[in-house]
Amino acid sequence: MIMVKQPGCDVQEVTALVQKHIPDAKIENDFSLELSFILPHESKAYFSALFEEIEEKLSDLKIASYGASVTTMEEVFLKCVPKYMLMISTFNKYNKINF
């Protein structure tokens, strides 16, 4: 779930609200005006109540907008490949393997 913060947004208050509905939710990013959470797929039964409460409290929470999307396998792959390539590169350098 991605949110666009307004000035004065209290990230701890928003996090408490999110975790009230989905205790396993984790902050993925809190940078500039963006605040994003990882919501476990197995908690999808609670998304509706979470979104309803966020909608009711948008102005109080100082959230300009929010949305949710399902992470695709492609997105997971694209995040993992650079880490894997770095591991291979480090392994090859350490073991003096050249391609």
C-alpha atoms as a PDB file:
ATOM      1  CA  MET A   1       0.000   0.000   0.000  1.00  0.00           C
ATOM      2  CA  ILE A   2       1.383   3.389  -0.989  1.00  0.00           C
ATOM      3  CA  MET A   3       0.371   6.692   0.577  1.00  0.00           C
ATOM      4  CA  VAL A   4       1.176  10.259  -0.339  1.00  0.00           C
ATOM      5  CA  LYS A   5       1.809  12.256   2.838  1.00  0.00           C
ATOM      6  CA  GLN A   6       0.931  15.868   3.445  1.00  0.00           C
ATOM      7  CA  PRO A   7       3.058  18.129   5.650  1.00  0.00           C
ATOM      8  CA  GLY A   8       2.537  17.246   9.312  1.00  0.00           C
ATOM      9  CA  CYS A   9       1.699  13.586   8.672  1.00  0.00           C
ATOM     10  CA  ASP A  10       2.510  11.524  11.771  1.00  0.00           C
ATOM     11  CA  VAL A  11       4.004   8.285  10.409  1.00  0.00           C
ATOM     12  CA  GLN A  12       3.733   6.569  13.805  1.00  0.00           C
ATOM     13  CA  GLU A  13       0.008   7.356  13.961  1.00  0.00           C
ATOM     14  CA  VAL A  14      -0.537   6.031  10.433  1.00  0.00           C
ATOM     15  CA  THR A  15       1.509   2.913  11.202  1.00  0.00           C
ATOM     16  CA  ALA A  16      -0.522   2.288  14.367  1.00  0.00           C
ATOM     17  CA  LEU A  17      -3.756   2.501  12.373  1.00  0.00           C
ATOM     18  CA  VAL A  18      -2.456   0.124   9.680  1.00  0.00           C
ATOM     19  CA  GLN A  19      -1.146  -2.363  12.250  1.00  0.00           C
ATOM     20  CA  LYS A  20      -4.412  -2.189  14.208  1.00  0.00           C
ATOM     21  CA  HIS A  21      -6.029  -3.912  11.230  1.00  0.00           C
ATOM     22  CA  ILE A  22      -3.003  -5.858   9.957  1.00  0.00           C
ATOM     23  CA  PRO A  23      -0.491  -6.490  12.759  1.00  0.00           C
ATOM     24  CA  ASP A  24       2.088  -8.012  10.378  1.00  0.00           C
ATOM     25  CA  ALA A  25       2.183  -4.921   8.138  1.00  0.00           C
ATOM     26  CA  LYS A  26       5.683  -3.490   7.739  1.00  0.00           C
ATOM     27  CA  ILE A  27       6.868  -0.093   6.546  1.00  0.00           C
ATOM     28  CA  GLU A  28       8.569  -0.580   3.202  1.00  0.00           C
ATOM     29  CA  ASN A  29       9.458   3.039   2.502  1.00  0.00           C
ATOM     30  CA  ASP A  30       9.174   6.381   4.267  1.00  0.00           C
ATOM     31  CA  PHE A  31      10.862   8.896   2.040  1.00  0.00           C
ATOM     32  CA  SER A  32       9.858  12.421   1.163  1.00  0.00           C
ATOM     33  CA  LEU A  33       6.099  12.432   0.589  1.00  0.00           C
ATOM     34  CA  GLU A  34       5.805   8.663   0.074  1.00  0.00           C
ATOM     35  CA  LEU A  35       4.921   6.168   2.781  1.00  0.00           C
ATOM     36  CA  SER A  36       4.483   2.548   1.776  1.00  0.00           C
ATOM     37  CA  PHE A  37       3.642  -0.616   3.652  1.00  0.00           C
ATOM     38  CA  ILE A  38       3.982  -4.283   2.841  1.00  0.00           C
ATOM     39  CA  LEU A  39       0.647  -5.913   3.599  1.00  0.00           C
ATOM     40  CA  PRO A  40       0.792  -9.720   3.771  1.00  0.00           C
ATOM     41  CA  HIS A  41      -1.492 -11.323   1.184  1.00  0.00           C
ATOM     42  CA  GLU A  42      -2.936 -13.634   3.828  1.00  0.00           C
ATOM     43  CA  SER A  43      -4.391 -10.569   5.569  1.00  0.00           C
ATOM     44  CA  LYS A  44      -6.524  -9.555   2.569  1.00  0.00           C
ATOM     45  CA  ALA A  45      -9.744 -10.240   4.508  1.00  0.00           C
ATOM     46  CA  TYR A  46      -8.898  -7.186   6.659  1.00  0.00           C
ATOM     47  CA  PHE A  47      -8.041  -4.791   3.798  1.00  0.00           C
ATOM     48  CA  SER A  48     -11.593  -3.504   3.428  1.00  0.00           C
ATOM     49  CA  ALA A  49     -11.882  -2.386   7.065  1.00  0.00           C
ATOM     50  CA  LEU A  50      -8.405  -0.832   6.883  1.00  0.00           C
ATOM     51  CA  PHE A  51      -9.217   1.121   3.720  1.00  0.00           C
ATOM     52  CA  GLU A  52     -12.543   2.286   5.155  1.00  0.00           C
ATOM     53  CA  GLU A  53     -10.877   3.660   8.277  1.00  0.00           C
ATOM     54  CA  ILE A  54      -8.122   5.332   6.257  1.00  0.00           C
ATOM     55  CA  GLU A  55     -10.782   6.915   4.035  1.00  0.00           C
ATOM     56  CA  GLU A  56     -12.646   8.244   7.095  1.00  0.00           C
ATOM     57  CA  LYS A  57      -9.477   9.716   8.604  1.00  0.00           C
ATOM     58  CA  LEU A  58      -7.594  10.957   5.507  1.00  0.00           C
ATOM     59  CA  SER A  59      -7.546  14.610   6.530  1.00  0.00           C
ATOM     60  CA  ASP A  60      -6.798  13.878  10.214  1.00  0.00           C
ATOM     61  CA  LEU A  61      -3.904  11.604   9.218  1.00  0.00           C
ATOM     62  CA  LYS A  62      -2.710  14.171   6.678  1.00  0.00           C
ATOM     63  CA  ILE A  63      -2.731  11.634   3.856  1.00  0.00           C
ATOM     64  CA  ALA A  64      -3.297  13.130   0.397  1.00  0.00           C
ATOM     65  CA  SER A  65      -4.007   9.805  -1.295  1.00  0.00           C
ATOM     66  CA  TYR A  66      -3.379   6.104  -1.034  1.00  0.00           C
ATOM     67  CA  GLY A  67      -3.571   2.971  -3.134  1.00  0.00           C
ATOM     68  CA  ALA A  68      -2.711  -0.690  -3.158  1.00  0.00           C
ATOM     69  CA  SER A  69      -1.411  -3.118  -5.732  1.00  0.00           C
ATOM     70  CA  VAL A  70      -0.370  -6.739  -5.867  1.00  0.00           C
ATOM     71  CA  THR A  71       3.345  -7.349  -6.270  1.00  0.00           C
ATOM     72  CA  THR A  72       3.983  -9.388  -9.388  1.00  0.00           C
ATOM     73  CA  MET A  73       6.590 -12.080  -9.790  1.00  0.00           C
ATOM     74  CA  GLU A  74       8.331  -9.766 -12.271  1.00  0.00           C
ATOM     75  CA  GLU A  75       8.720  -7.085  -9.577  1.00  0.00           C
ATOM     76  CA  VAL A  76      10.128  -9.651  -7.150  1.00  0.00           C
ATOM     77  CA  PHE A  77      12.521 -10.924  -9.830  1.00  0.00           C
ATOM     78  CA  LEU A  78      13.695  -7.404 -10.692  1.00  0.00           C
ATOM     79  CA  LYS A  79      14.451  -6.715  -7.024  1.00  0.00           C
ATOM     80  CA  CYS A  80      16.339  -9.992  -6.552  1.00  0.00           C
ATOM     81  CA  VAL A  81      18.464 -10.037  -9.728  1.00  0.00           C
ATOM     82  CA  PRO A  82      20.801  -7.139  -8.774  1.00  0.00           C
ATOM     83  CA  LYS A  83      21.507  -8.753  -5.385  1.00  0.00           C
ATOM     84  CA  TYR A  84      22.146 -12.111  -7.067  1.00  0.00           C
ATOM     85  CA  MET A  85      24.473 -10.517  -9.647  1.00  0.00           C
ATOM     86  CA  LEU A  86      26.438  -8.794  -6.882  1.00  0.00           C
ATOM     87  CA  MET A  87      26.798 -12.128  -5.067  1.00  0.00           C
ATOM     88  CA  ILE A  88      28.049 -13.828  -8.250  1.00  0.00           C
ATOM     89  CA  SER A  89      30.439 -10.983  -8.987  1.00  0.00           C
ATOM     90  CA  THR A  90      31.851 -11.072  -5.453  1.00  0.00           C
ATOM     91  CA  PHE A  91      32.153 -14.860  -5.582  1.00  0.00           C
ATOM     92  CA  ASN A  92      33.941 -14.725  -8.938  1.00  0.00           C
ATOM     93  CA  LYS A  93      36.301 -11.978  -7.781  1.00  0.00           C
ATOM     94  CA  TYR A  94      37.105 -13.869  -4.579  1.00  0.00           C
ATOM     95  CA  ASN A  95      37.709 -17.108  -6.464  1.00  0.00           C
ATOM     96  CA  LYS A  96      39.487 -15.335  -9.363  1.00  0.00           C
ATOM     97  CA  ILE A  97      37.005 -16.587 -11.949  1.00  0.00           C
ATOM     98  CA  ASN A  98      36.804 -14.529 -15.149  1.00  0.00           C
ATOM     99  CA  PHE A  99      34.219 -14.819 -17.888  1.00  0.00           C
END
